[in-house]
N, C-alpha and C. Protein backbone atom coordinates (compact mmCIF):
# COMPACT_ATOMS: atom_id res chain seq x y z
N MET A 1 0.91 -0.99 0.14
CA MET A 1 0.19 0.04 -0.13
C MET A 1 1.02 1.66 -0.20
N ASP A 2 0.18 2.32 -0.78
CA ASP A 2 1.54 3.60 -0.91
C ASP A 2 1.20 4.14 0.18
N ARG A 3 1.88 4.94 1.01
CA ARG A 3 2.01 5.58 2.44
C ARG A 3 2.46 6.60 2.18
N HIS A 4 2.42 7.90 2.67
CA HIS A 4 2.94 9.08 3.25
C HIS A 4 3.56 8.86 4.42
N VAL A 5 4.49 9.01 4.40
CA VAL A 5 5.59 8.83 5.78
C VAL A 5 5.56 10.20 5.95
N VAL A 6 6.05 10.45 7.53
CA VAL A 6 6.34 11.62 8.52
C VAL A 6 7.45 11.00 9.83
N ILE A 7 8.44 11.74 9.35
CA ILE A 7 9.47 11.46 10.64
C ILE A 7 9.75 12.48 11.46
N PHE A 8 9.76 12.38 12.69
CA PHE A 8 10.14 13.09 13.47
C PHE A 8 11.14 12.96 14.61
N ASP A 9 12.01 13.70 14.63
CA ASP A 9 13.18 13.65 15.67
C ASP A 9 12.40 13.78 16.79
N PHE A 10 12.82 13.31 18.44
CA PHE A 10 12.74 13.36 19.64
C PHE A 10 13.32 14.64 20.19
N ASP A 11 14.72 14.67 20.67
CA ASP A 11 14.89 15.95 21.61
C ASP A 11 14.89 16.67 21.16
N GLN A 12 14.42 17.71 21.90
CA GLN A 12 14.27 19.26 21.09
C GLN A 12 13.57 19.12 20.03
N THR A 13 12.78 18.67 19.78
CA THR A 13 11.57 18.52 18.46
C THR A 13 10.33 17.94 19.00
N MET A 14 10.25 17.06 19.44
CA MET A 14 8.81 16.55 20.49
C MET A 14 8.80 16.54 21.58
N VAL A 15 10.17 16.82 22.42
CA VAL A 15 10.18 17.47 23.61
C VAL A 15 11.64 18.48 23.62
N LEU A 16 11.12 19.48 24.55
CA LEU A 16 11.89 20.67 24.46
C LEU A 16 13.69 20.68 25.22
N GLU A 17 13.35 19.39 25.89
CA GLU A 17 14.74 18.73 26.65
C GLU A 17 15.76 18.42 26.12
N ASN A 18 16.89 17.90 26.49
CA ASN A 18 17.45 16.76 25.88
C ASN A 18 17.27 15.70 26.62
N SER A 19 16.61 14.47 26.19
CA SER A 19 15.95 13.75 27.35
C SER A 19 17.37 12.85 28.02
N LEU A 20 18.34 13.11 27.38
CA LEU A 20 19.73 11.88 27.73
C LEU A 20 20.40 11.79 28.93
N GLY A 21 20.10 13.81 29.28
CA GLY A 21 20.50 14.20 30.63
C GLY A 21 19.63 13.79 32.19
N PHE A 22 18.44 13.38 31.69
CA PHE A 22 17.63 12.42 32.86
C PHE A 22 17.91 11.15 32.68
N LEU A 23 17.80 10.53 31.49
CA LEU A 23 18.39 9.24 31.61
C LEU A 23 19.94 8.82 32.46
N PHE A 24 20.66 9.74 32.08
CA PHE A 24 21.78 9.52 32.92
C PHE A 24 21.32 10.21 34.65
N LYS A 25 21.00 11.13 34.73
CA LYS A 25 20.94 11.37 36.26
C LYS A 25 20.19 10.34 36.81
N GLN A 26 19.23 9.86 36.19
CA GLN A 26 18.08 8.93 37.25
C GLN A 26 19.28 7.79 37.46
N LEU A 27 19.98 7.35 36.54
CA LEU A 27 21.18 6.26 36.95
C LEU A 27 21.96 6.12 37.14
N SER A 28 22.52 7.65 37.78
CA SER A 28 23.98 8.06 38.07
C SER A 28 24.05 9.19 39.09
N GLY A 29 23.21 9.72 39.29
CA GLY A 29 22.88 11.22 40.22
C GLY A 29 23.12 12.11 39.95
N PRO A 30 23.20 13.20 40.48
CA PRO A 30 22.87 14.48 40.03
C PRO A 30 23.78 15.17 39.18
N TYR A 31 25.47 14.54 39.66
CA TYR A 31 26.77 14.63 39.53
C TYR A 31 26.86 13.69 38.17
N TYR A 32 26.43 13.29 37.72
CA TYR A 32 26.22 12.16 36.27
C TYR A 32 27.93 13.00 35.08
N TRP A 33 27.61 14.09 35.32
CA TRP A 33 28.66 14.95 34.32
C TRP A 33 29.98 14.89 34.56
N LEU A 34 30.14 14.44 35.62
CA LEU A 34 31.33 14.98 36.44
C LEU A 34 32.44 13.19 35.41
N ASN A 35 31.53 12.12 35.08
CA ASN A 35 32.29 11.16 34.61
C ASN A 35 33.04 12.03 33.17
N ALA A 36 32.31 12.54 32.55
CA ALA A 36 32.90 12.89 31.38
C ALA A 36 33.70 14.08 31.40
N VAL A 37 34.30 14.57 32.60
CA VAL A 37 35.24 15.69 33.04
C VAL A 37 36.77 15.42 32.28
N PRO A 38 37.49 14.15 32.41
CA PRO A 38 38.41 13.58 31.36
C PRO A 38 38.49 14.03 29.76
N VAL A 39 37.02 13.60 29.49
CA VAL A 39 37.31 13.96 27.42
C VAL A 39 36.66 15.37 27.52
N VAL A 40 36.54 16.56 27.98
CA VAL A 40 36.63 17.49 27.87
C VAL A 40 37.25 17.96 28.06
N ILE A 41 38.25 17.99 28.96
CA ILE A 41 39.94 18.30 29.30
C ILE A 41 40.71 18.08 28.02
N LYS A 42 40.65 16.41 27.95
CA LYS A 42 41.41 15.98 26.48
C LYS A 42 41.18 16.98 25.48
N SER A 43 39.42 16.99 25.21
CA SER A 43 39.08 18.15 24.10
C SER A 43 39.69 19.84 23.76
N LEU A 44 39.75 19.85 25.28
CA LEU A 44 40.47 21.55 25.20
C LEU A 44 41.94 21.37 24.51
N LEU A 45 42.66 20.18 25.05
CA LEU A 45 44.04 20.02 24.82
C LEU A 45 44.33 19.67 23.34
N THR A 46 43.13 18.94 22.86
CA THR A 46 43.50 18.98 21.11
C THR A 46 42.37 19.82 20.09
N PHE A 47 41.91 20.64 21.25
CA PHE A 47 41.21 21.41 20.13
C PHE A 47 39.71 20.92 19.30
N THR A 48 39.41 20.25 20.42
CA THR A 48 37.58 19.35 19.56
C THR A 48 36.81 19.73 20.43
N PHE A 49 35.98 20.00 19.62
CA PHE A 49 34.77 20.96 20.27
C PHE A 49 33.74 20.32 19.20
N GLY A 50 32.18 21.61 19.81
CA GLY A 50 31.21 21.23 18.75
C GLY A 50 30.36 19.40 19.01
N TYR A 51 30.53 19.24 17.56
CA TYR A 51 29.90 17.58 17.34
C TYR A 51 30.43 16.98 18.04
N LYS A 52 32.09 16.79 17.43
CA LYS A 52 32.40 15.82 17.55
C LYS A 52 32.93 15.58 19.52
N LEU A 53 32.59 16.58 19.85
CA LEU A 53 33.14 16.92 21.76
C LEU A 53 31.70 15.94 22.13
N ARG A 54 30.47 16.61 21.66
CA ARG A 54 29.42 16.10 22.15
C ARG A 54 28.98 14.39 22.19
N ARG A 55 29.60 14.17 21.25
CA ARG A 55 29.57 12.38 20.08
C ARG A 55 30.37 12.16 21.25
N ALA A 56 31.37 12.37 21.61
CA ALA A 56 32.73 11.76 22.87
C ALA A 56 31.77 11.73 24.23
N VAL A 57 31.30 12.87 24.26
CA VAL A 57 31.52 13.20 25.61
C VAL A 57 29.80 12.14 26.31
N LYS A 58 29.18 11.70 24.97
CA LYS A 58 27.90 11.29 24.96
C LYS A 58 28.56 9.22 25.30
N GLN A 59 29.50 9.26 24.13
CA GLN A 59 30.21 8.02 24.64
C GLN A 59 30.72 6.98 25.46
N CYS A 60 31.60 8.49 26.56
CA CYS A 60 31.87 8.27 27.81
C CYS A 60 31.14 8.12 28.60
N LEU A 61 29.65 8.58 28.68
CA LEU A 61 29.08 8.36 29.65
C LEU A 61 27.71 6.96 29.49
N TYR A 62 27.79 6.67 28.39
CA TYR A 62 27.13 5.62 28.26
C TYR A 62 27.85 4.60 28.80
N SER A 63 29.42 4.34 28.23
CA SER A 63 30.44 3.77 29.43
C SER A 63 30.39 3.80 30.87
N LYS A 64 30.29 4.79 30.63
CA LYS A 64 30.66 4.92 32.58
C LYS A 64 28.80 4.31 33.62
N ILE A 65 27.84 5.41 32.52
CA ILE A 65 27.06 5.22 33.21
C ILE A 65 25.90 4.01 32.72
N LEU A 66 26.21 3.16 31.41
CA LEU A 66 25.18 2.18 31.07
C LEU A 66 25.79 0.74 31.01
N THR A 67 26.77 0.81 31.34
CA THR A 67 27.33 -0.88 31.30
C THR A 67 26.61 -1.53 32.74
N GLY A 68 26.45 -2.41 31.84
CA GLY A 68 25.85 -3.33 33.19
C GLY A 68 24.15 -2.78 33.78
N MET A 69 23.76 -2.05 33.08
CA MET A 69 22.45 -1.99 32.86
C MET A 69 21.60 -2.87 32.25
N THR A 70 20.22 -3.54 32.60
CA THR A 70 20.01 -3.70 31.62
C THR A 70 18.39 -3.28 30.96
N VAL A 71 17.63 -4.05 30.08
CA VAL A 71 16.54 -3.37 29.04
C VAL A 71 15.52 -2.79 29.80
N ASN A 72 15.68 -3.82 30.78
CA ASN A 72 14.34 -3.36 31.66
C ASN A 72 14.76 -1.53 32.67
N ASP A 73 16.41 -2.00 33.09
CA ASP A 73 16.73 -0.37 33.64
C ASP A 73 16.10 1.03 33.06
N ILE A 74 16.83 0.74 31.97
CA ILE A 74 16.28 1.72 30.53
C ILE A 74 14.96 2.02 30.07
N GLN A 75 14.04 1.04 30.23
CA GLN A 75 12.51 1.32 29.89
C GLN A 75 12.11 1.72 31.14
N VAL A 76 12.53 1.06 32.63
CA VAL A 76 11.89 1.72 33.49
C VAL A 76 12.55 3.62 33.56
N THR A 77 13.33 4.34 33.00
CA THR A 77 13.69 4.88 33.05
C THR A 77 13.01 6.04 32.37
N GLY A 78 12.85 5.23 31.18
CA GLY A 78 11.87 5.75 30.35
C GLY A 78 10.67 6.64 30.58
N LYS A 79 9.91 5.33 31.13
CA LYS A 79 8.87 5.35 31.98
C LYS A 79 8.58 6.73 32.66
N MET A 80 9.67 7.42 33.79
CA MET A 80 9.48 8.16 34.23
C MET A 80 10.23 8.88 33.64
N ALA A 81 10.94 9.07 32.24
CA ALA A 81 10.67 10.42 31.78
C ALA A 81 9.37 11.15 30.83
N SER A 82 8.95 10.13 30.52
CA SER A 82 7.76 10.65 29.71
C SER A 82 6.74 11.54 30.65
N ALA A 83 7.19 11.37 31.52
CA ALA A 83 6.05 12.34 32.99
C ALA A 83 7.02 13.62 33.00
N ALA A 84 8.55 13.34 32.95
CA ALA A 84 9.46 14.43 34.05
C ALA A 84 9.64 15.61 32.50
N LEU A 85 9.04 15.13 30.88
CA LEU A 85 9.88 16.09 29.65
C LEU A 85 8.49 16.96 29.44
N THR A 86 8.90 18.08 28.69
CA THR A 86 8.05 18.64 28.12
C THR A 86 7.33 18.61 26.93
N SER A 87 6.23 18.26 26.56
CA SER A 87 6.08 17.85 25.66
C SER A 87 5.76 19.48 24.55
N ASN A 88 6.33 19.55 23.24
CA ASN A 88 6.56 20.29 22.07
C ASN A 88 4.95 20.26 21.60
N GLN A 89 3.72 20.76 22.10
CA GLN A 89 2.61 20.00 21.50
C GLN A 89 2.12 20.51 20.55
N PRO A 90 2.74 21.29 19.65
CA PRO A 90 2.14 21.59 18.68
C PRO A 90 2.55 20.58 17.80
N ILE A 91 4.35 20.11 17.63
CA ILE A 91 4.83 19.04 17.45
C ILE A 91 3.73 17.79 17.82
N ILE A 92 3.85 17.24 19.00
CA ILE A 92 2.92 16.63 19.27
C ILE A 92 1.47 16.27 19.15
N ASP A 93 0.69 17.06 17.92
CA ASP A 93 -0.32 17.29 17.12
C ASP A 93 -0.45 17.04 16.24
N ARG A 94 0.43 17.34 15.44
CA ARG A 94 1.43 17.29 13.87
C ARG A 94 0.76 15.48 14.26
N LEU A 95 1.80 14.68 14.99
CA LEU A 95 2.27 13.44 14.55
C LEU A 95 0.46 12.51 15.10
N ILE A 96 -0.19 13.12 16.01
CA ILE A 96 -1.48 12.84 16.22
C ILE A 96 -2.06 12.84 14.75
N GLU A 97 -1.98 13.92 14.09
CA GLU A 97 -2.75 14.20 13.03
C GLU A 97 -2.42 13.31 11.52
N ALA A 98 -1.21 13.06 12.31
CA ALA A 98 -0.61 11.85 10.75
C ALA A 98 -1.25 10.60 11.08
N THR A 99 -1.04 10.50 12.78
CA THR A 99 -1.38 9.12 12.58
C THR A 99 -2.64 8.75 12.30
N ASN A 100 -3.52 10.02 12.71
CA ASN A 100 -5.39 9.81 12.39
C ASN A 100 -5.53 9.46 10.93
N ARG A 101 -4.62 10.04 10.34
CA ARG A 101 -4.39 10.22 8.60
C ARG A 101 -4.28 9.04 7.91
N GLY A 102 -3.39 7.52 8.90
CA GLY A 102 -3.60 6.79 8.45
C GLY A 102 -1.39 6.48 7.59
N ASN A 103 -1.13 7.59 7.98
CA ASN A 103 0.57 7.96 7.61
C ASN A 103 0.89 6.81 8.30
N PHE A 104 2.26 6.66 7.63
CA PHE A 104 3.40 5.97 8.85
C PHE A 104 4.29 6.75 9.24
N VAL A 105 4.28 6.46 10.43
CA VAL A 105 4.97 7.98 11.34
C VAL A 105 6.14 6.62 11.86
N ILE A 106 7.13 7.66 11.49
CA ILE A 106 8.85 7.35 12.70
C ILE A 106 9.23 8.32 13.33
N VAL A 107 9.64 7.98 14.43
CA VAL A 107 10.23 8.59 15.33
C VAL A 107 11.99 8.34 15.33
N ALA A 108 12.48 9.34 14.65
CA ALA A 108 13.96 9.30 14.81
C ALA A 108 14.90 9.87 15.20
N THR A 109 15.62 9.07 16.05
CA THR A 109 16.71 9.94 17.23
C THR A 109 17.92 9.44 17.57
N ALA A 110 18.96 10.36 18.10
CA ALA A 110 20.39 9.71 17.92
C ALA A 110 20.56 9.08 19.45
N SER A 111 19.33 9.01 20.29
CA SER A 111 19.27 9.07 21.65
C SER A 111 19.28 7.30 21.67
N PRO A 112 19.13 6.05 22.73
CA PRO A 112 19.24 4.77 22.47
C PRO A 112 17.49 4.48 22.37
N GLN A 113 17.54 3.95 20.93
CA GLN A 113 16.23 3.31 20.94
C GLN A 113 15.24 2.94 22.03
N VAL A 114 15.81 2.22 22.73
CA VAL A 114 15.11 1.27 23.53
C VAL A 114 14.67 2.42 24.72
N TYR A 115 15.44 3.42 25.03
CA TYR A 115 14.77 4.70 26.02
C TYR A 115 13.68 5.50 25.37
N ILE A 116 14.12 5.82 24.08
CA ILE A 116 12.76 6.69 23.48
C ILE A 116 11.72 6.24 22.88
N ALA A 117 11.78 4.66 22.88
CA ALA A 117 10.40 3.87 22.22
C ALA A 117 9.96 3.70 24.05
N SER A 118 10.50 3.87 24.81
CA SER A 118 9.71 3.34 26.07
C SER A 118 9.05 4.83 26.21
N ILE A 119 9.95 5.90 26.49
CA ILE A 119 9.18 7.20 26.64
C ILE A 119 7.71 7.22 25.53
N VAL A 120 7.94 7.28 24.09
CA VAL A 120 7.01 7.25 23.50
C VAL A 120 5.90 6.98 23.49
N ASN A 121 6.26 5.57 24.04
CA ASN A 121 5.03 4.42 24.39
C ASN A 121 4.61 4.89 25.87
N ALA A 122 5.09 5.54 26.45
CA ALA A 122 4.45 5.90 28.03
C ALA A 122 3.37 7.24 27.53
N MET A 123 4.11 7.36 26.83
CA MET A 123 3.34 8.92 26.33
C MET A 123 1.94 9.16 25.41
N GLY A 124 1.93 7.70 25.18
CA GLY A 124 0.41 7.29 24.58
C GLY A 124 0.72 7.51 22.92
N LEU A 125 1.26 7.91 22.48
CA LEU A 125 1.63 7.88 21.33
C LEU A 125 2.18 6.27 19.89
N ASN A 126 0.74 6.49 19.56
CA ASN A 126 0.88 5.49 18.36
C ASN A 126 2.16 6.00 17.20
N VAL A 127 3.01 5.16 16.93
CA VAL A 127 4.08 5.53 16.21
C VAL A 127 4.16 4.02 15.51
N ASP A 128 4.70 3.86 14.50
CA ASP A 128 5.16 2.61 13.55
C ASP A 128 6.69 2.07 13.73
N LEU A 129 7.06 3.11 13.98
CA LEU A 129 8.23 2.46 14.27
C LEU A 129 9.60 3.72 14.88
N VAL A 130 10.55 2.93 15.84
CA VAL A 130 11.31 3.88 16.15
C VAL A 130 12.54 3.42 16.08
N ILE A 131 13.64 4.78 15.50
CA ILE A 131 14.80 4.15 15.07
C ILE A 131 15.96 5.21 15.86
N GLY A 132 17.02 4.61 16.54
CA GLY A 132 17.58 4.88 17.41
C GLY A 132 18.79 4.87 17.20
N THR A 133 19.64 4.75 18.07
CA THR A 133 21.08 4.40 18.49
C THR A 133 20.95 3.27 19.21
N HIS A 134 21.64 1.72 19.14
CA HIS A 134 21.57 0.63 19.61
C HIS A 134 23.03 0.88 20.42
N ILE A 135 22.87 0.27 22.00
CA ILE A 135 23.75 0.44 22.79
C ILE A 135 24.25 -0.87 23.28
N ASP A 136 25.33 -1.54 22.97
CA ASP A 136 26.07 -2.74 24.36
C ASP A 136 25.66 -2.72 25.83
N LEU A 137 24.48 -3.32 26.36
CA LEU A 137 24.78 -2.88 27.57
C LEU A 137 25.95 -3.54 28.16
N THR A 138 26.57 -4.57 27.92
CA THR A 138 27.05 -5.14 28.50
C THR A 138 28.35 -4.60 29.15
N ARG A 139 28.63 -2.90 27.54
CA ARG A 139 29.99 -2.58 27.85
C ARG A 139 29.69 -2.04 27.47
N GLY A 140 28.64 -1.11 27.39
CA GLY A 140 27.76 0.27 27.12
C GLY A 140 28.85 1.24 26.34
N ILE A 141 29.01 0.66 25.07
CA ILE A 141 29.33 1.08 23.44
C ILE A 141 28.05 1.02 22.47
N VAL A 142 28.64 2.26 21.82
CA VAL A 142 27.56 1.79 20.39
C VAL A 142 27.83 0.90 19.68
N ILE A 143 26.63 0.00 19.06
CA ILE A 143 26.65 -0.81 18.45
C ILE A 143 26.55 -0.08 16.64
N GLY A 144 27.45 -0.64 15.85
CA GLY A 144 27.50 0.54 14.73
C GLY A 144 27.25 1.93 15.09
N GLN A 145 26.83 2.73 14.52
CA GLN A 145 27.23 4.20 14.24
C GLN A 145 26.20 4.85 15.36
N GLU A 146 26.22 6.11 15.71
CA GLU A 146 25.26 6.94 16.66
C GLU A 146 24.19 7.25 15.40
N CYS A 147 23.49 7.03 15.60
CA CYS A 147 22.08 7.48 14.99
C CYS A 147 22.04 8.84 15.18
N SER A 148 22.86 9.50 14.15
CA SER A 148 22.35 11.13 14.10
C SER A 148 23.39 11.35 12.81
N ARG A 149 22.95 12.77 12.59
CA ARG A 149 22.97 13.46 11.08
C ARG A 149 22.94 12.42 10.01
N VAL A 150 24.29 12.60 9.41
CA VAL A 150 24.15 11.55 8.03
C VAL A 150 23.31 10.35 8.68
N ALA A 151 23.98 9.57 9.56
CA ALA A 151 23.97 8.05 9.71
C ALA A 151 22.12 8.00 9.84
N LYS A 152 21.85 9.07 10.80
CA LYS A 152 19.84 8.77 11.11
C LYS A 152 19.33 8.77 9.67
N TRP A 153 20.02 9.56 8.87
CA TRP A 153 19.37 9.57 7.59
C TRP A 153 19.13 7.93 6.84
N ILE A 154 20.58 7.58 7.00
CA ILE A 154 20.47 5.98 6.12
C ILE A 154 20.13 5.26 6.77
N ALA A 155 19.70 5.26 8.13
CA ALA A 155 18.95 3.96 9.22
C ALA A 155 17.87 4.48 9.02
N VAL A 156 16.56 5.83 8.48
CA VAL A 156 15.96 6.23 8.10
C VAL A 156 15.57 5.55 6.66
N LYS A 157 16.16 5.73 5.85
CA LYS A 157 16.21 5.56 4.08
C LYS A 157 16.54 3.95 4.06
N GLU A 158 16.49 3.56 4.86
CA GLU A 158 17.04 1.53 4.94
C GLU A 158 15.55 1.04 5.08
N GLN A 159 14.65 1.52 6.11
CA GLN A 159 13.14 1.31 6.44
C GLN A 159 12.24 2.48 5.59
N LEU A 160 12.49 3.17 4.84
CA LEU A 160 11.80 3.75 3.22
C LEU A 160 12.09 3.03 2.43
N ASN A 161 12.98 2.23 1.89
CA ASN A 161 13.24 1.25 0.96
C ASN A 161 12.08 0.43 0.91
N LYS A 162 11.98 -0.12 2.29
CA LYS A 162 10.67 -1.26 2.46
C LYS A 162 9.15 -0.94 2.31
N LEU A 163 8.81 0.42 1.80
CA LEU A 163 7.49 1.04 1.72
C LEU A 163 7.72 1.60 0.52
N SER A 164 6.47 1.65 0.18
CA SER A 164 6.10 1.71 -1.12
C SER A 164 5.06 3.73 -0.73
N LEU A 165 5.95 4.76 -1.25
CA LEU A 165 5.95 5.83 -0.89
C LEU A 165 5.15 6.50 -1.68
N LEU A 166 4.28 7.95 -1.51
CA LEU A 166 3.64 8.49 -1.99
C LEU A 166 4.27 9.92 -1.37
N SER A 167 5.00 10.25 -0.24
CA SER A 167 5.62 11.18 0.08
C SER A 167 6.23 11.20 1.30
N THR A 168 7.35 12.30 1.73
CA THR A 168 7.85 12.49 3.17
C THR A 168 8.22 13.51 3.21
N THR A 169 7.78 13.29 4.66
CA THR A 169 7.88 14.46 5.35
C THR A 169 8.97 14.65 6.67
N ALA A 170 9.39 15.52 6.94
CA ALA A 170 10.40 15.31 8.49
C ALA A 170 10.39 16.44 9.46
N TYR A 171 10.21 16.80 10.52
CA TYR A 171 10.43 17.44 11.71
C TYR A 171 12.04 17.18 12.03
N GLY A 172 13.11 18.29 12.59
CA GLY A 172 13.53 18.46 13.21
C GLY A 172 14.24 19.63 13.65
N ASN A 173 15.35 19.32 14.28
CA ASN A 173 16.24 20.42 14.66
C ASN A 173 17.19 20.57 14.13
N GLN A 174 18.18 21.48 14.20
CA GLN A 174 19.11 22.29 13.80
C GLN A 174 20.34 22.50 14.61
N PRO A 175 21.58 22.21 14.50
CA PRO A 175 22.04 21.48 12.92
C PRO A 175 21.87 20.16 12.94
N ASP A 176 21.61 19.62 13.72
CA ASP A 176 21.95 18.02 13.91
C ASP A 176 20.73 17.19 12.76
N ASP A 177 19.43 17.23 12.15
CA ASP A 177 18.53 17.06 11.40
C ASP A 177 18.53 18.02 10.02
N VAL A 178 19.49 18.84 9.78
CA VAL A 178 19.22 19.41 8.73
C VAL A 178 19.76 18.40 6.82
N HIS A 179 20.34 17.50 7.83
CA HIS A 179 20.65 16.55 6.80
C HIS A 179 19.55 15.87 5.94
N MET A 180 18.77 15.43 7.00
CA MET A 180 17.71 14.33 7.15
C MET A 180 16.55 15.53 6.24
N LEU A 181 16.58 17.28 6.51
CA LEU A 181 15.60 17.46 6.41
C LEU A 181 15.30 17.84 4.42
N GLU A 182 17.15 18.02 4.25
CA GLU A 182 17.40 18.34 2.83
C GLU A 182 16.57 17.48 1.80
N GLN A 183 16.44 15.55 2.67
CA GLN A 183 16.77 14.65 1.93
C GLN A 183 14.92 14.67 1.84
N VAL A 184 14.19 14.99 2.44
CA VAL A 184 12.46 14.36 2.48
C VAL A 184 12.05 15.74 1.13
N ASP A 185 10.48 15.66 1.22
CA ASP A 185 10.24 15.85 0.00
C ASP A 185 9.42 17.66 0.76
N HIS A 186 9.74 17.38 2.24
CA HIS A 186 8.64 18.67 2.86
C HIS A 186 9.58 18.02 4.32
N GLY A 187 10.51 19.33 4.52
CA GLY A 187 11.41 19.21 6.04
C GLY A 187 11.17 20.45 6.58
N PHE A 188 10.64 20.65 8.29
CA PHE A 188 10.61 21.41 8.92
C PHE A 188 11.30 21.57 9.93
N ILE A 189 12.34 22.50 10.36
CA ILE A 189 12.78 22.83 11.65
C ILE A 189 12.00 23.61 12.32
N VAL A 190 12.24 22.93 13.82
CA VAL A 190 11.70 23.34 15.12
C VAL A 190 12.52 23.53 15.79
N THR A 191 11.91 24.75 16.80
CA THR A 191 12.56 25.43 18.23
C THR A 191 11.20 25.34 18.97
N ALA A 192 11.61 26.06 19.58
CA ALA A 192 10.48 25.81 20.96
C ALA A 192 8.97 26.45 20.95
N GLY A 193 9.49 27.29 19.98
CA GLY A 193 8.53 28.38 19.60
C GLY A 193 7.55 28.45 18.22
N SER A 194 8.26 27.44 17.23
CA SER A 194 8.25 27.81 15.83
C SER A 194 8.41 26.65 15.26
N ILE A 195 7.33 26.27 13.81
CA ILE A 195 7.67 25.11 12.98
C ILE A 195 8.31 25.71 12.11
N VAL A 196 9.26 25.93 11.15
CA VAL A 196 9.49 26.91 9.80
C VAL A 196 10.01 26.21 8.85
N GLN A 197 9.43 25.86 7.59
CA GLN A 197 9.99 25.03 6.60
C GLN A 197 10.65 24.99 5.74
N HIS A 198 11.96 24.27 5.94
CA HIS A 198 13.41 24.44 5.50
C HIS A 198 13.29 24.53 4.04
N HIS A 199 14.31 25.55 3.75
CA HIS A 199 14.31 26.04 2.17
C HIS A 199 16.09 25.50 1.70
N ILE A 200 15.68 24.48 0.66
CA ILE A 200 16.73 23.94 0.13
C ILE A 200 17.83 25.26 -0.52
N ILE A 201 18.46 25.91 -0.54
CA ILE A 201 19.42 26.70 -0.92
C ILE A 201 20.35 26.19 -1.90
């Protein structure tokens, strides 16, 4: 069956916050960020900033905090996060509208897939697929690539290839989702106060 596909980023798109902070805080305490201090110091010495630094910090925290955790630990934390995070209601409304129209709805996130799937489920949202980063919890390491930027679109495209498409629409924040927004038929940049169609120049 031909489907319209609508893709939603999660952090700072469906919710206003970055949900990873809640995950790390719940599992490790309010000073979880101290685990990443050595990585930050190294970045200062090697002049590594921006996206590369954020990715290195996340990978460090995955290793320090998620090693030895169970899927159930992550899912329970996700259910708690669903009540603590702030929904971006205009985006949630668009997701619900897409579901009601019978569109194929995807949530695509750089955060751990099992974590975001549990949040989305606890929020009572009906989506067809959650695509995210996979973590080996025995070692706290990312399996494959983190599902962000170009890698996020590659993961989404792999699923789109299985569908008979009529159109694709995506919502995400910048700069991390710009690549994905440039690949779909209709891309929208989301901030806390607006939804603006992304125009490719």
